[in-house]
Amino acid sequence: MSKRSRDTATAAEESFDSLEQEVFLNLWRTYDRLKLIEDEVFGRVGLSAQQYNALRLLRSVHPDAMPTLMLGSRLISRAPDMTRLLDRLEKRRLLLRERRPENRRVVEVRIAKDGMQLLNEVHDAVQECHRQQLGHLNKKVLRQLVDLLRKARQPHEDTENLSFIDE
């Protein structure tokens, strides 16, 4: 190790309370940098990343519907106010909600024609966004990163309600 590498490592060790803290803060900073690129793409079409994720999940079961509780459990990140998220999408006519007569407590949602159209319109921009975010990494490094991230979150996952990326 060169003297400069040793000095940099020593400075980093002194800046953090633990290696775990350093890793966590690096994850957080990385998320923040990558999210800026994503926010720009979704902002152009008036969606949040969570709204986009919800529409994609509904498209995956189209033409069927999905109960709102199941939809909420399959989102990449928790939606603290699922009702508001769905209200906004319904107001834009991107999804449809209905209560089943046999069980009025269950609300089911399905993607609407306009929601399918919006996903088709934004598809290429989302793919380009992912290339901007991580396209500088080769496939081997990306696969290693996926594996490490799964290992990091695995003990904290709700095995009864896995996100679609962990199924």
N, C-alpha and C. Protein backbone atom coordinates (compact mmCIF):
# COMPACT_ATOMS: atom_id res chain seq x y z
N MET A 1 0.86 -1.17 0.00
CA MET A 1 0.00 0.00 0.00
C MET A 1 0.90 1.23 0.00
N SER A 2 0.59 2.18 -0.84
CA SER A 2 1.39 3.41 -0.91
C SER A 2 1.13 4.28 0.31
N LYS A 3 2.03 5.24 0.56
CA LYS A 3 1.86 6.14 1.70
C LYS A 3 0.56 6.93 1.57
N ARG A 4 0.25 7.37 0.36
CA ARG A 4 -0.99 8.14 0.14
C ARG A 4 -2.22 7.28 0.45
N SER A 5 -2.23 6.02 -0.02
CA SER A 5 -3.35 5.11 0.27
C SER A 5 -3.50 4.90 1.77
N ARG A 6 -2.36 4.74 2.47
CA ARG A 6 -2.39 4.56 3.92
C ARG A 6 -2.95 5.80 4.61
N ASP A 7 -2.52 6.98 4.15
CA ASP A 7 -3.00 8.23 4.74
C ASP A 7 -4.49 8.41 4.51
N THR A 8 -4.96 8.08 3.30
CA THR A 8 -6.38 8.19 2.98
C THR A 8 -7.19 7.22 3.83
N ALA A 9 -6.70 5.98 3.96
CA ALA A 9 -7.39 4.98 4.78
C ALA A 9 -7.45 5.43 6.23
N THR A 10 -6.36 5.98 6.76
CA THR A 10 -6.33 6.45 8.14
C THR A 10 -7.31 7.60 8.33
N ALA A 11 -7.35 8.52 7.40
CA ALA A 11 -8.29 9.65 7.49
C ALA A 11 -9.72 9.16 7.47
N ALA A 12 -10.03 8.18 6.62
CA ALA A 12 -11.38 7.63 6.56
C ALA A 12 -11.74 6.94 7.86
N GLU A 13 -10.80 6.18 8.42
CA GLU A 13 -11.07 5.48 9.68
C GLU A 13 -11.37 6.47 10.80
N GLU A 14 -10.71 7.61 10.78
CA GLU A 14 -10.93 8.62 11.81
C GLU A 14 -12.24 9.39 11.60
N SER A 15 -12.80 9.35 10.40
CA SER A 15 -14.02 10.10 10.09
C SER A 15 -15.29 9.35 10.46
N PHE A 16 -15.19 8.07 10.74
CA PHE A 16 -16.37 7.24 10.99
C PHE A 16 -16.24 6.54 12.34
N ASP A 17 -17.36 6.28 12.95
CA ASP A 17 -17.37 5.56 14.23
C ASP A 17 -17.09 4.08 14.06
N SER A 18 -17.40 3.56 12.85
CA SER A 18 -17.19 2.13 12.59
C SER A 18 -17.17 1.91 11.09
N LEU A 19 -16.70 0.75 10.70
CA LEU A 19 -16.73 0.38 9.28
C LEU A 19 -18.16 0.27 8.79
N GLU A 20 -19.06 -0.25 9.65
CA GLU A 20 -20.47 -0.34 9.29
C GLU A 20 -21.06 1.03 8.99
N GLN A 21 -20.68 2.02 9.81
CA GLN A 21 -21.17 3.38 9.57
C GLN A 21 -20.64 3.90 8.24
N GLU A 22 -19.39 3.65 7.94
CA GLU A 22 -18.81 4.10 6.69
C GLU A 22 -19.54 3.49 5.49
N VAL A 23 -19.82 2.19 5.59
CA VAL A 23 -20.55 1.52 4.51
C VAL A 23 -21.95 2.10 4.37
N PHE A 24 -22.65 2.25 5.50
CA PHE A 24 -24.00 2.79 5.45
C PHE A 24 -24.03 4.18 4.84
N LEU A 25 -23.13 5.04 5.27
CA LEU A 25 -23.11 6.41 4.74
C LEU A 25 -22.75 6.42 3.26
N ASN A 26 -21.91 5.49 2.84
CA ASN A 26 -21.61 5.38 1.41
C ASN A 26 -22.83 4.91 0.62
N LEU A 27 -23.59 3.98 1.18
CA LEU A 27 -24.84 3.55 0.52
C LEU A 27 -25.80 4.72 0.40
N TRP A 28 -25.95 5.47 1.47
CA TRP A 28 -26.86 6.60 1.50
C TRP A 28 -26.45 7.66 0.48
N ARG A 29 -25.16 7.98 0.43
CA ARG A 29 -24.66 8.98 -0.53
C ARG A 29 -24.86 8.49 -1.96
N THR A 30 -24.60 7.21 -2.19
CA THR A 30 -24.79 6.64 -3.52
C THR A 30 -26.26 6.73 -3.93
N TYR A 31 -27.15 6.36 -3.03
CA TYR A 31 -28.59 6.47 -3.30
C TYR A 31 -28.95 7.91 -3.66
N ASP A 32 -28.45 8.86 -2.91
CA ASP A 32 -28.76 10.27 -3.15
C ASP A 32 -28.30 10.70 -4.55
N ARG A 33 -27.09 10.34 -4.92
CA ARG A 33 -26.55 10.72 -6.24
C ARG A 33 -27.35 10.07 -7.37
N LEU A 34 -27.66 8.79 -7.22
CA LEU A 34 -28.40 8.08 -8.28
C LEU A 34 -29.85 8.53 -8.35
N LYS A 35 -30.43 8.88 -7.22
CA LYS A 35 -31.83 9.32 -7.19
C LYS A 35 -32.02 10.65 -7.91
N LEU A 36 -31.01 11.52 -7.88
CA LEU A 36 -31.12 12.79 -8.60
C LEU A 36 -31.38 12.56 -10.09
N ILE A 37 -30.71 11.58 -10.66
CA ILE A 37 -30.89 11.27 -12.09
C ILE A 37 -32.30 10.72 -12.32
N GLU A 38 -32.73 9.83 -11.44
CA GLU A 38 -34.07 9.25 -11.55
C GLU A 38 -35.17 10.30 -11.39
N ASP A 39 -35.00 11.19 -10.42
CA ASP A 39 -36.01 12.23 -10.17
C ASP A 39 -36.21 13.12 -11.40
N GLU A 40 -35.14 13.37 -12.12
CA GLU A 40 -35.25 14.19 -13.33
C GLU A 40 -36.12 13.49 -14.37
N VAL A 41 -35.92 12.20 -14.56
CA VAL A 41 -36.70 11.44 -15.55
C VAL A 41 -38.17 11.41 -15.15
N PHE A 42 -38.46 11.03 -13.91
CA PHE A 42 -39.86 10.91 -13.49
C PHE A 42 -40.52 12.28 -13.35
N GLY A 43 -39.75 13.29 -13.00
CA GLY A 43 -40.30 14.63 -12.90
C GLY A 43 -40.85 15.14 -14.22
N ARG A 44 -40.24 14.72 -15.32
CA ARG A 44 -40.72 15.15 -16.65
C ARG A 44 -42.13 14.65 -16.95
N VAL A 45 -42.53 13.54 -16.32
CA VAL A 45 -43.87 12.99 -16.56
C VAL A 45 -44.76 13.09 -15.33
N GLY A 46 -44.29 13.81 -14.32
CA GLY A 46 -45.10 14.05 -13.13
C GLY A 46 -45.34 12.83 -12.26
N LEU A 47 -44.36 11.94 -12.20
CA LEU A 47 -44.46 10.75 -11.36
C LEU A 47 -43.37 10.76 -10.30
N SER A 48 -43.63 10.10 -9.21
CA SER A 48 -42.57 9.79 -8.26
C SER A 48 -42.05 8.39 -8.60
N ALA A 49 -40.90 8.04 -8.07
CA ALA A 49 -40.36 6.70 -8.29
C ALA A 49 -41.32 5.65 -7.73
N GLN A 50 -41.93 5.93 -6.60
CA GLN A 50 -42.88 4.96 -6.02
C GLN A 50 -44.12 4.80 -6.89
N GLN A 51 -44.62 5.88 -7.46
CA GLN A 51 -45.78 5.78 -8.34
C GLN A 51 -45.42 4.95 -9.57
N TYR A 52 -44.25 5.19 -10.12
CA TYR A 52 -43.78 4.41 -11.27
C TYR A 52 -43.69 2.93 -10.90
N ASN A 53 -43.11 2.65 -9.75
CA ASN A 53 -42.98 1.27 -9.29
C ASN A 53 -44.35 0.61 -9.13
N ALA A 54 -45.31 1.35 -8.58
CA ALA A 54 -46.67 0.81 -8.41
C ALA A 54 -47.29 0.49 -9.78
N LEU A 55 -47.13 1.39 -10.72
CA LEU A 55 -47.68 1.14 -12.07
C LEU A 55 -47.02 -0.07 -12.72
N ARG A 56 -45.72 -0.22 -12.56
CA ARG A 56 -45.03 -1.38 -13.13
C ARG A 56 -45.53 -2.68 -12.52
N LEU A 57 -45.75 -2.67 -11.21
CA LEU A 57 -46.27 -3.88 -10.55
C LEU A 57 -47.67 -4.21 -11.04
N LEU A 58 -48.49 -3.18 -11.24
CA LEU A 58 -49.84 -3.42 -11.75
C LEU A 58 -49.80 -3.92 -13.20
N ARG A 59 -48.87 -3.40 -13.97
CA ARG A 59 -48.72 -3.89 -15.35
C ARG A 59 -48.35 -5.37 -15.36
N SER A 60 -47.57 -5.80 -14.37
CA SER A 60 -47.12 -7.19 -14.34
C SER A 60 -48.26 -8.18 -14.12
N VAL A 61 -49.39 -7.72 -13.60
CA VAL A 61 -50.53 -8.62 -13.40
C VAL A 61 -51.68 -8.30 -14.36
N HIS A 62 -51.47 -7.31 -15.21
CA HIS A 62 -52.51 -6.89 -16.17
C HIS A 62 -52.92 -8.07 -17.05
N PRO A 63 -54.18 -8.29 -17.30
CA PRO A 63 -55.35 -7.43 -17.05
C PRO A 63 -55.98 -7.62 -15.67
N ASP A 64 -55.37 -8.44 -14.83
CA ASP A 64 -55.92 -8.66 -13.49
C ASP A 64 -55.65 -7.46 -12.59
N ALA A 65 -56.29 -7.50 -11.43
CA ALA A 65 -56.10 -6.48 -10.41
C ALA A 65 -55.25 -7.07 -9.28
N MET A 66 -54.84 -6.18 -8.37
CA MET A 66 -54.04 -6.59 -7.22
C MET A 66 -54.61 -5.89 -5.99
N PRO A 67 -54.78 -6.60 -4.88
CA PRO A 67 -55.22 -5.93 -3.65
C PRO A 67 -54.19 -4.87 -3.22
N THR A 68 -54.68 -3.76 -2.69
CA THR A 68 -53.78 -2.67 -2.32
C THR A 68 -52.74 -3.11 -1.29
N LEU A 69 -53.12 -3.98 -0.36
CA LEU A 69 -52.14 -4.43 0.64
C LEU A 69 -51.00 -5.21 -0.01
N MET A 70 -51.32 -6.02 -1.00
CA MET A 70 -50.29 -6.78 -1.70
C MET A 70 -49.40 -5.82 -2.49
N LEU A 71 -50.02 -4.85 -3.15
CA LEU A 71 -49.24 -3.87 -3.92
C LEU A 71 -48.26 -3.15 -2.99
N GLY A 72 -48.75 -2.69 -1.85
CA GLY A 72 -47.90 -1.98 -0.90
C GLY A 72 -46.74 -2.83 -0.41
N SER A 73 -46.99 -4.11 -0.22
CA SER A 73 -45.92 -4.99 0.29
C SER A 73 -44.88 -5.31 -0.77
N ARG A 74 -45.23 -5.17 -2.04
CA ARG A 74 -44.29 -5.52 -3.11
C ARG A 74 -43.48 -4.32 -3.62
N LEU A 75 -43.81 -3.12 -3.16
CA LEU A 75 -43.05 -1.95 -3.58
C LEU A 75 -41.60 -2.06 -3.14
N ILE A 76 -40.71 -1.44 -3.88
CA ILE A 76 -39.29 -1.46 -3.55
C ILE A 76 -39.04 -0.79 -2.20
N SER A 77 -39.66 0.37 -1.97
CA SER A 77 -39.55 1.03 -0.67
C SER A 77 -40.94 1.22 -0.11
N ARG A 78 -41.03 1.22 1.21
CA ARG A 78 -42.33 1.33 1.85
C ARG A 78 -43.03 2.63 1.48
N ALA A 79 -44.32 2.56 1.31
CA ALA A 79 -45.14 3.75 1.04
C ALA A 79 -45.94 4.04 2.31
N PRO A 80 -45.55 5.05 3.08
CA PRO A 80 -46.24 5.30 4.34
C PRO A 80 -47.70 5.70 4.15
N ASP A 81 -48.03 6.29 3.00
CA ASP A 81 -49.41 6.67 2.74
C ASP A 81 -49.83 6.12 1.38
N MET A 82 -50.12 4.83 1.38
CA MET A 82 -50.51 4.14 0.15
C MET A 82 -51.78 4.75 -0.45
N THR A 83 -52.70 5.15 0.41
CA THR A 83 -53.96 5.73 -0.07
C THR A 83 -53.70 6.98 -0.90
N ARG A 84 -52.84 7.86 -0.40
CA ARG A 84 -52.54 9.10 -1.12
C ARG A 84 -51.83 8.80 -2.45
N LEU A 85 -50.90 7.85 -2.43
CA LEU A 85 -50.20 7.46 -3.66
C LEU A 85 -51.21 6.99 -4.72
N LEU A 86 -52.15 6.14 -4.29
CA LEU A 86 -53.16 5.63 -5.22
C LEU A 86 -54.14 6.72 -5.64
N ASP A 87 -54.49 7.61 -4.71
CA ASP A 87 -55.39 8.73 -5.05
C ASP A 87 -54.82 9.54 -6.21
N ARG A 88 -53.53 9.85 -6.12
CA ARG A 88 -52.90 10.67 -7.17
C ARG A 88 -52.89 9.95 -8.52
N LEU A 89 -52.61 8.66 -8.51
CA LEU A 89 -52.61 7.90 -9.77
C LEU A 89 -54.03 7.76 -10.33
N GLU A 90 -55.00 7.57 -9.45
CA GLU A 90 -56.38 7.45 -9.89
C GLU A 90 -56.89 8.78 -10.46
N LYS A 91 -56.53 9.88 -9.82
CA LYS A 91 -56.94 11.20 -10.29
C LYS A 91 -56.43 11.46 -11.71
N ARG A 92 -55.24 10.94 -12.03
CA ARG A 92 -54.67 11.09 -13.37
C ARG A 92 -55.17 10.01 -14.34
N ARG A 93 -56.07 9.17 -13.86
CA ARG A 93 -56.66 8.08 -14.65
C ARG A 93 -55.62 7.06 -15.11
N LEU A 94 -54.61 6.84 -14.24
CA LEU A 94 -53.56 5.88 -14.55
C LEU A 94 -53.86 4.51 -13.95
N LEU A 95 -54.80 4.47 -12.99
CA LEU A 95 -55.23 3.20 -12.42
C LEU A 95 -56.70 3.28 -12.04
N LEU A 96 -57.28 2.12 -11.80
CA LEU A 96 -58.67 2.01 -11.40
C LEU A 96 -58.72 1.27 -10.07
N ARG A 97 -59.61 1.71 -9.17
CA ARG A 97 -59.80 1.03 -7.88
C ARG A 97 -61.22 0.52 -7.81
N GLU A 98 -61.35 -0.64 -7.17
CA GLU A 98 -62.71 -1.16 -6.95
C GLU A 98 -62.76 -2.01 -5.70
N ARG A 99 -63.91 -1.96 -5.04
CA ARG A 99 -64.18 -2.82 -3.88
C ARG A 99 -64.99 -3.99 -4.37
N ARG A 100 -64.60 -5.16 -3.94
CA ARG A 100 -65.33 -6.37 -4.32
C ARG A 100 -66.59 -6.49 -3.46
N PRO A 101 -67.75 -6.77 -4.07
CA PRO A 101 -68.99 -6.89 -3.29
C PRO A 101 -68.91 -7.98 -2.22
N GLU A 102 -68.15 -9.04 -2.50
CA GLU A 102 -68.07 -10.15 -1.56
C GLU A 102 -67.21 -9.83 -0.33
N ASN A 103 -66.37 -8.79 -0.43
CA ASN A 103 -65.55 -8.38 0.71
C ASN A 103 -65.24 -6.89 0.56
N ARG A 104 -66.07 -6.06 1.14
CA ARG A 104 -65.97 -4.61 0.98
C ARG A 104 -64.70 -4.02 1.62
N ARG A 105 -64.04 -4.80 2.48
CA ARG A 105 -62.82 -4.29 3.12
C ARG A 105 -61.63 -4.33 2.17
N VAL A 106 -61.68 -5.15 1.14
CA VAL A 106 -60.56 -5.30 0.22
C VAL A 106 -60.75 -4.38 -0.98
N VAL A 107 -59.75 -3.54 -1.22
CA VAL A 107 -59.75 -2.67 -2.40
C VAL A 107 -58.73 -3.24 -3.37
N GLU A 108 -59.17 -3.43 -4.60
CA GLU A 108 -58.27 -3.93 -5.64
C GLU A 108 -57.99 -2.81 -6.62
N VAL A 109 -56.76 -2.82 -7.16
CA VAL A 109 -56.36 -1.81 -8.13
C VAL A 109 -55.85 -2.50 -9.38
N ARG A 110 -56.10 -1.85 -10.50
CA ARG A 110 -55.58 -2.35 -11.78
C ARG A 110 -55.09 -1.17 -12.59
N ILE A 111 -54.13 -1.42 -13.43
CA ILE A 111 -53.59 -0.35 -14.26
C ILE A 111 -54.61 -0.01 -15.34
N ALA A 112 -54.77 1.26 -15.61
CA ALA A 112 -55.69 1.74 -16.65
C ALA A 112 -54.93 1.88 -17.97
N LYS A 113 -55.69 2.06 -19.03
CA LYS A 113 -55.10 2.23 -20.36
C LYS A 113 -54.09 3.37 -20.37
N ASP A 114 -54.45 4.50 -19.74
CA ASP A 114 -53.53 5.64 -19.69
C ASP A 114 -52.25 5.31 -18.92
N GLY A 115 -52.36 4.47 -17.90
CA GLY A 115 -51.19 4.05 -17.14
C GLY A 115 -50.26 3.19 -18.00
N MET A 116 -50.84 2.29 -18.77
CA MET A 116 -50.03 1.46 -19.69
C MET A 116 -49.34 2.36 -20.71
N GLN A 117 -50.07 3.32 -21.23
CA GLN A 117 -49.51 4.22 -22.24
C GLN A 117 -48.36 5.04 -21.64
N LEU A 118 -48.53 5.54 -20.42
CA LEU A 118 -47.48 6.33 -19.79
C LEU A 118 -46.22 5.48 -19.57
N LEU A 119 -46.40 4.24 -19.12
CA LEU A 119 -45.23 3.36 -18.94
C LEU A 119 -44.51 3.13 -20.26
N ASN A 120 -45.26 2.95 -21.33
CA ASN A 120 -44.64 2.77 -22.65
C ASN A 120 -43.88 4.03 -23.08
N GLU A 121 -44.46 5.19 -22.80
CA GLU A 121 -43.83 6.46 -23.20
C GLU A 121 -42.52 6.71 -22.46
N VAL A 122 -42.46 6.33 -21.19
CA VAL A 122 -41.30 6.65 -20.37
C VAL A 122 -40.25 5.52 -20.38
N HIS A 123 -40.56 4.40 -20.99
CA HIS A 123 -39.68 3.23 -20.96
C HIS A 123 -38.25 3.53 -21.39
N ASP A 124 -38.07 4.14 -22.56
CA ASP A 124 -36.72 4.40 -23.06
C ASP A 124 -35.96 5.37 -22.15
N ALA A 125 -36.65 6.38 -21.63
CA ALA A 125 -36.00 7.33 -20.73
C ALA A 125 -35.55 6.65 -19.43
N VAL A 126 -36.34 5.71 -18.94
CA VAL A 126 -35.97 4.98 -17.72
C VAL A 126 -34.76 4.10 -17.99
N GLN A 127 -34.74 3.44 -19.14
CA GLN A 127 -33.59 2.61 -19.48
C GLN A 127 -32.32 3.46 -19.59
N GLU A 128 -32.44 4.63 -20.20
CA GLU A 128 -31.29 5.54 -20.31
C GLU A 128 -30.86 6.03 -18.92
N CYS A 129 -31.82 6.27 -18.06
CA CYS A 129 -31.53 6.68 -16.69
C CYS A 129 -30.66 5.63 -16.00
N HIS A 130 -31.04 4.36 -16.13
CA HIS A 130 -30.25 3.28 -15.50
C HIS A 130 -28.85 3.19 -16.10
N ARG A 131 -28.74 3.45 -17.40
CA ARG A 131 -27.41 3.45 -18.02
C ARG A 131 -26.56 4.60 -17.47
N GLN A 132 -27.19 5.77 -17.29
CA GLN A 132 -26.45 6.90 -16.71
C GLN A 132 -26.04 6.60 -15.27
N GLN A 133 -26.91 5.96 -14.53
CA GLN A 133 -26.63 5.68 -13.13
C GLN A 133 -25.50 4.66 -12.97
N LEU A 134 -25.57 3.56 -13.71
CA LEU A 134 -24.67 2.43 -13.44
C LEU A 134 -24.00 1.84 -14.66
N GLY A 135 -24.18 2.44 -15.81
CA GLY A 135 -23.62 1.91 -17.04
C GLY A 135 -22.10 1.91 -17.09
N HIS A 136 -21.46 2.65 -16.22
CA HIS A 136 -19.99 2.68 -16.18
C HIS A 136 -19.40 1.44 -15.52
N LEU A 137 -20.26 0.60 -14.91
CA LEU A 137 -19.81 -0.63 -14.27
C LEU A 137 -20.03 -1.80 -15.23
N ASN A 138 -19.09 -2.73 -15.27
CA ASN A 138 -19.28 -3.89 -16.16
C ASN A 138 -20.23 -4.90 -15.51
N LYS A 139 -20.67 -5.88 -16.30
CA LYS A 139 -21.67 -6.84 -15.83
C LYS A 139 -21.20 -7.64 -14.62
N LYS A 140 -19.93 -8.01 -14.59
CA LYS A 140 -19.41 -8.77 -13.45
C LYS A 140 -19.50 -7.95 -12.17
N VAL A 141 -19.12 -6.69 -12.24
CA VAL A 141 -19.18 -5.81 -11.05
C VAL A 141 -20.63 -5.58 -10.65
N LEU A 142 -21.51 -5.37 -11.61
CA LEU A 142 -22.93 -5.18 -11.30
C LEU A 142 -23.50 -6.41 -10.59
N ARG A 143 -23.17 -7.59 -11.07
CA ARG A 143 -23.67 -8.83 -10.46
C ARG A 143 -23.13 -8.95 -9.03
N GLN A 144 -21.85 -8.63 -8.82
CA GLN A 144 -21.27 -8.66 -7.48
C GLN A 144 -21.99 -7.68 -6.55
N LEU A 145 -22.29 -6.50 -7.08
CA LEU A 145 -22.98 -5.49 -6.29
C LEU A 145 -24.37 -5.96 -5.90
N VAL A 146 -25.09 -6.55 -6.84
CA VAL A 146 -26.42 -7.10 -6.53
C VAL A 146 -26.32 -8.14 -5.42
N ASP A 147 -25.35 -9.04 -5.53
CA ASP A 147 -25.19 -10.09 -4.52
C ASP A 147 -24.86 -9.50 -3.15
N LEU A 148 -23.96 -8.52 -3.11
CA LEU A 148 -23.60 -7.89 -1.84
C LEU A 148 -24.79 -7.16 -1.21
N LEU A 149 -25.55 -6.45 -2.02
CA LEU A 149 -26.71 -5.72 -1.50
C LEU A 149 -27.77 -6.68 -0.96
N ARG A 150 -28.00 -7.79 -1.66
CA ARG A 150 -28.94 -8.81 -1.15
C ARG A 150 -28.47 -9.36 0.19
N LYS A 151 -27.19 -9.66 0.29
CA LYS A 151 -26.65 -10.18 1.55
C LYS A 151 -26.79 -9.16 2.67
N ALA A 152 -26.59 -7.90 2.36
CA ALA A 152 -26.69 -6.85 3.39
C ALA A 152 -28.11 -6.71 3.92
N ARG A 153 -29.12 -6.83 3.07
CA ARG A 153 -30.49 -6.61 3.54
C ARG A 153 -31.20 -7.88 3.95
N GLN A 154 -30.68 -9.04 3.60
CA GLN A 154 -31.36 -10.32 3.83
C GLN A 154 -31.85 -10.51 5.27
N PRO A 155 -31.04 -10.27 6.30
CA PRO A 155 -31.54 -10.50 7.65
C PRO A 155 -32.65 -9.54 8.07
N HIS A 156 -32.86 -8.49 7.31
CA HIS A 156 -33.84 -7.46 7.67
C HIS A 156 -35.11 -7.54 6.83
N GLU A 157 -35.17 -8.49 5.90
CA GLU A 157 -36.34 -8.63 5.04
C GLU A 157 -37.48 -9.33 5.77
N ASP A 158 -38.69 -8.96 5.40
CA ASP A 158 -39.89 -9.65 5.87
C ASP A 158 -40.13 -10.79 4.90
N THR A 159 -39.82 -12.00 5.31
CA THR A 159 -39.89 -13.14 4.39
C THR A 159 -41.32 -13.44 3.94
N GLU A 160 -42.31 -12.91 4.65
CA GLU A 160 -43.71 -13.09 4.25
C GLU A 160 -44.13 -12.10 3.18
N ASN A 161 -43.40 -10.98 3.06
CA ASN A 161 -43.77 -9.91 2.13
C ASN A 161 -42.54 -9.42 1.38
N LEU A 162 -41.94 -10.28 0.60
CA LEU A 162 -40.75 -9.90 -0.15
C LEU A 162 -41.11 -8.97 -1.29
N SER A 163 -40.23 -8.04 -1.56
CA SER A 163 -40.34 -7.21 -2.75
C SER A 163 -40.13 -8.11 -3.95
N PHE A 164 -40.57 -7.69 -5.10
CA PHE A 164 -40.43 -8.53 -6.29
C PHE A 164 -38.96 -8.80 -6.62
N ILE A 165 -38.03 -7.97 -6.19
CA ILE A 165 -36.62 -8.21 -6.51
C ILE A 165 -36.02 -9.31 -5.67
N ASP A 166 -36.70 -9.71 -4.59
CA ASP A 166 -36.17 -10.76 -3.73
C ASP A 166 -36.97 -12.06 -3.79
N GLU A 167 -37.93 -12.12 -4.66
CA GLU A 167 -38.74 -13.35 -4.77
C GLU A 167 -37.98 -14.44 -5.48
